[in-house]
Amino acid sequence: MSAIRTLEPYARSVLRIVAGFTFSEHGMQKILGAFGGMNGHGAKVSYISLFGLAGGLELIGGLLLILGLFTSPAAFILCGEMAVAYFRAHFPHGFFPIVNHGELAVVYCFVFLYLFTAGAGPISLDSLVRRKST
């Protein structure tokens, strides 16, 4: 069992990369109109709106997580974004995430909270920068 525990930092890096990739796709949808855009309408977002801000955070924050660059501050901001998204868009439609379709926002929020506290893991630019500075 202890041999498996030694893999935890690498599993954290994989979690960070996968979460960053899937999260950035939401930003690509909103900002770039990728994957059919939002509801099949392409990129029709005002960048000076909550929706535009969310798309920018998702795209840039997701890319930072993929790279493992500025992981803790990026994860902190994204955790907050997902908490706001949940309470603004989902919670008014019911208490339980399964009912209000907010499961993904809740899961992302807590994954980002974990990454904020735990860090990027060894497969990251944060780790590379830290090694070079010592």
Protein backbone atom coordinates (compact mmCIF):
# COMPACT_ATOMS: atom_id res chain seq x y z
CA MET A 1 0.00 0.00 0.00
CA SER A 2 2.80 2.45 0.78
CA ALA A 3 4.27 1.89 -2.71
CA ILE A 4 1.01 3.14 -4.21
CA ARG A 5 1.12 6.24 -2.00
CA THR A 6 4.45 7.23 -3.57
CA LEU A 7 2.56 7.69 -6.86
CA GLU A 8 0.23 10.33 -5.36
CA PRO A 9 2.19 13.36 -6.61
CA TYR A 10 2.12 11.97 -10.15
CA ALA A 11 -1.59 11.19 -9.91
CA ARG A 12 -2.11 14.80 -8.77
CA SER A 13 -0.26 16.02 -11.86
CA VAL A 14 -2.47 13.84 -14.08
CA LEU A 15 -5.61 15.09 -12.30
CA ARG A 16 -4.46 18.69 -12.80
CA ILE A 17 -3.75 18.16 -16.52
CA VAL A 18 -7.06 16.39 -17.22
CA ALA A 19 -9.10 18.90 -15.19
CA GLY A 20 -7.32 21.80 -16.90
CA PHE A 21 -7.92 20.31 -20.33
CA THR A 22 -11.62 19.60 -19.82
CA PHE A 23 -12.12 22.97 -18.10
CA SER A 24 -10.37 24.91 -20.89
CA GLU A 25 -12.80 23.35 -23.38
CA HIS A 26 -15.60 25.32 -21.72
CA GLY A 27 -13.64 28.51 -22.31
CA MET A 28 -12.92 27.50 -25.92
CA GLN A 29 -16.65 27.01 -26.39
CA LYS A 30 -17.54 30.43 -24.97
CA ILE A 31 -14.66 32.52 -26.35
CA LEU A 32 -13.65 30.78 -29.57
CA GLY A 33 -16.94 29.14 -30.56
CA ALA A 34 -15.22 25.73 -30.60
CA PHE A 35 -17.18 22.49 -30.36
CA GLY A 36 -20.30 24.17 -31.72
CA GLY A 37 -20.06 27.11 -29.33
CA MET A 38 -22.72 27.61 -26.72
CA ASN A 39 -25.99 25.93 -27.74
CA GLY A 40 -24.70 25.63 -31.31
CA HIS A 41 -24.38 29.41 -31.82
CA GLY A 42 -20.60 29.83 -32.06
CA ALA A 43 -18.72 32.56 -30.24
CA LYS A 44 -21.25 35.29 -29.60
CA VAL A 45 -20.06 36.49 -26.26
CA SER A 46 -19.46 40.01 -25.09
CA TYR A 47 -16.05 39.96 -23.46
CA ILE A 48 -17.24 42.66 -21.07
CA SER A 49 -19.83 40.47 -19.36
CA LEU A 50 -19.90 37.81 -16.67
CA PHE A 51 -20.15 35.19 -19.41
CA GLY A 52 -17.12 36.64 -21.21
CA LEU A 53 -15.17 36.85 -17.96
CA ALA A 54 -16.06 33.24 -17.17
CA GLY A 55 -14.97 32.13 -20.65
CA GLY A 56 -11.65 33.95 -20.31
CA LEU A 57 -11.01 32.47 -16.87
CA GLU A 58 -11.88 29.00 -18.14
CA LEU A 59 -9.66 29.24 -21.21
CA ILE A 60 -6.62 30.88 -19.63
CA GLY A 61 -6.99 29.23 -16.23
CA GLY A 62 -7.42 25.82 -17.85
CA LEU A 63 -4.29 26.34 -19.95
CA LEU A 64 -2.31 27.40 -16.86
CA LEU A 65 -3.45 24.22 -15.10
CA ILE A 66 -2.48 22.05 -18.07
CA LEU A 67 1.01 23.57 -17.97
CA GLY A 68 1.18 23.53 -14.19
CA LEU A 69 2.13 27.20 -14.19
CA PHE A 70 0.96 29.44 -11.32
CA THR A 71 -1.14 26.47 -10.28
CA SER A 72 -2.12 27.55 -6.77
CA PRO A 73 -3.28 31.09 -7.63
CA ALA A 74 -5.00 29.90 -10.82
CA ALA A 75 -6.77 27.08 -8.97
CA PHE A 76 -7.87 29.50 -6.22
CA ILE A 77 -9.44 31.87 -8.77
CA LEU A 78 -11.10 29.01 -10.67
CA CYS A 79 -12.43 27.52 -7.42
CA GLY A 80 -14.08 30.86 -6.72
CA GLU A 81 -15.44 31.08 -10.24
CA MET A 82 -17.08 27.67 -9.89
CA ALA A 83 -18.57 28.57 -6.51
CA VAL A 84 -20.06 31.74 -8.03
CA ALA A 85 -21.27 29.80 -11.08
CA TYR A 86 -22.96 27.22 -8.87
CA PHE A 87 -24.76 29.72 -6.66
CA ARG A 88 -25.76 32.05 -9.52
CA ALA A 89 -26.76 29.54 -12.18
CA HIS A 90 -27.63 26.27 -10.44
CA PHE A 91 -28.62 26.76 -6.81
CA PRO A 92 -31.71 28.88 -7.65
CA HIS A 93 -33.13 25.77 -9.37
CA GLY A 94 -32.94 23.55 -6.30
CA PHE A 95 -30.75 22.54 -3.41
CA PHE A 96 -29.34 19.27 -4.73
CA PRO A 97 -26.78 19.39 -7.57
CA ILE A 98 -28.34 16.37 -9.25
CA VAL A 99 -31.61 18.29 -9.49
CA ASN A 100 -30.19 21.70 -10.49
CA HIS A 101 -27.57 20.26 -12.92
CA GLY A 102 -24.71 21.77 -10.94
CA GLU A 103 -22.68 18.59 -10.37
CA LEU A 104 -19.87 19.63 -12.70
CA ALA A 105 -19.52 23.06 -11.08
CA VAL A 106 -19.34 21.44 -7.62
CA VAL A 107 -16.77 18.85 -8.69
CA TYR A 108 -14.59 21.43 -10.46
CA CYS A 109 -14.84 23.74 -7.43
CA PHE A 110 -13.51 21.08 -5.07
CA VAL A 111 -10.88 19.75 -7.49
CA PHE A 112 -9.56 23.30 -7.80
CA LEU A 113 -9.68 23.74 -4.02
CA TYR A 114 -7.58 20.59 -3.71
CA LEU A 115 -5.07 21.80 -6.32
CA PHE A 116 -4.87 25.19 -4.61
CA THR A 117 -3.85 23.53 -1.34
CA ALA A 118 -1.82 20.59 -2.70
CA GLY A 119 0.05 22.27 -5.56
CA ALA A 120 0.78 21.22 -9.10
CA GLY A 121 2.69 17.99 -8.56
CA PRO A 122 6.03 17.00 -10.08
CA ILE A 123 4.98 17.11 -13.74
CA SER A 124 4.59 20.88 -14.00
CA LEU A 125 6.32 24.09 -14.94
CA ASP A 126 5.92 25.18 -11.29
CA SER A 127 8.06 22.21 -10.27
CA LEU A 128 10.62 22.94 -12.98
CA VAL A 129 10.91 26.59 -11.94
CA ARG A 130 11.25 25.58 -8.29
CA ARG A 131 14.07 23.13 -9.13
CA LYS A 132 15.96 25.73 -11.17
CA SER A 133 15.75 28.35 -8.39
CA THR A 134 17.33 26.07 -5.77
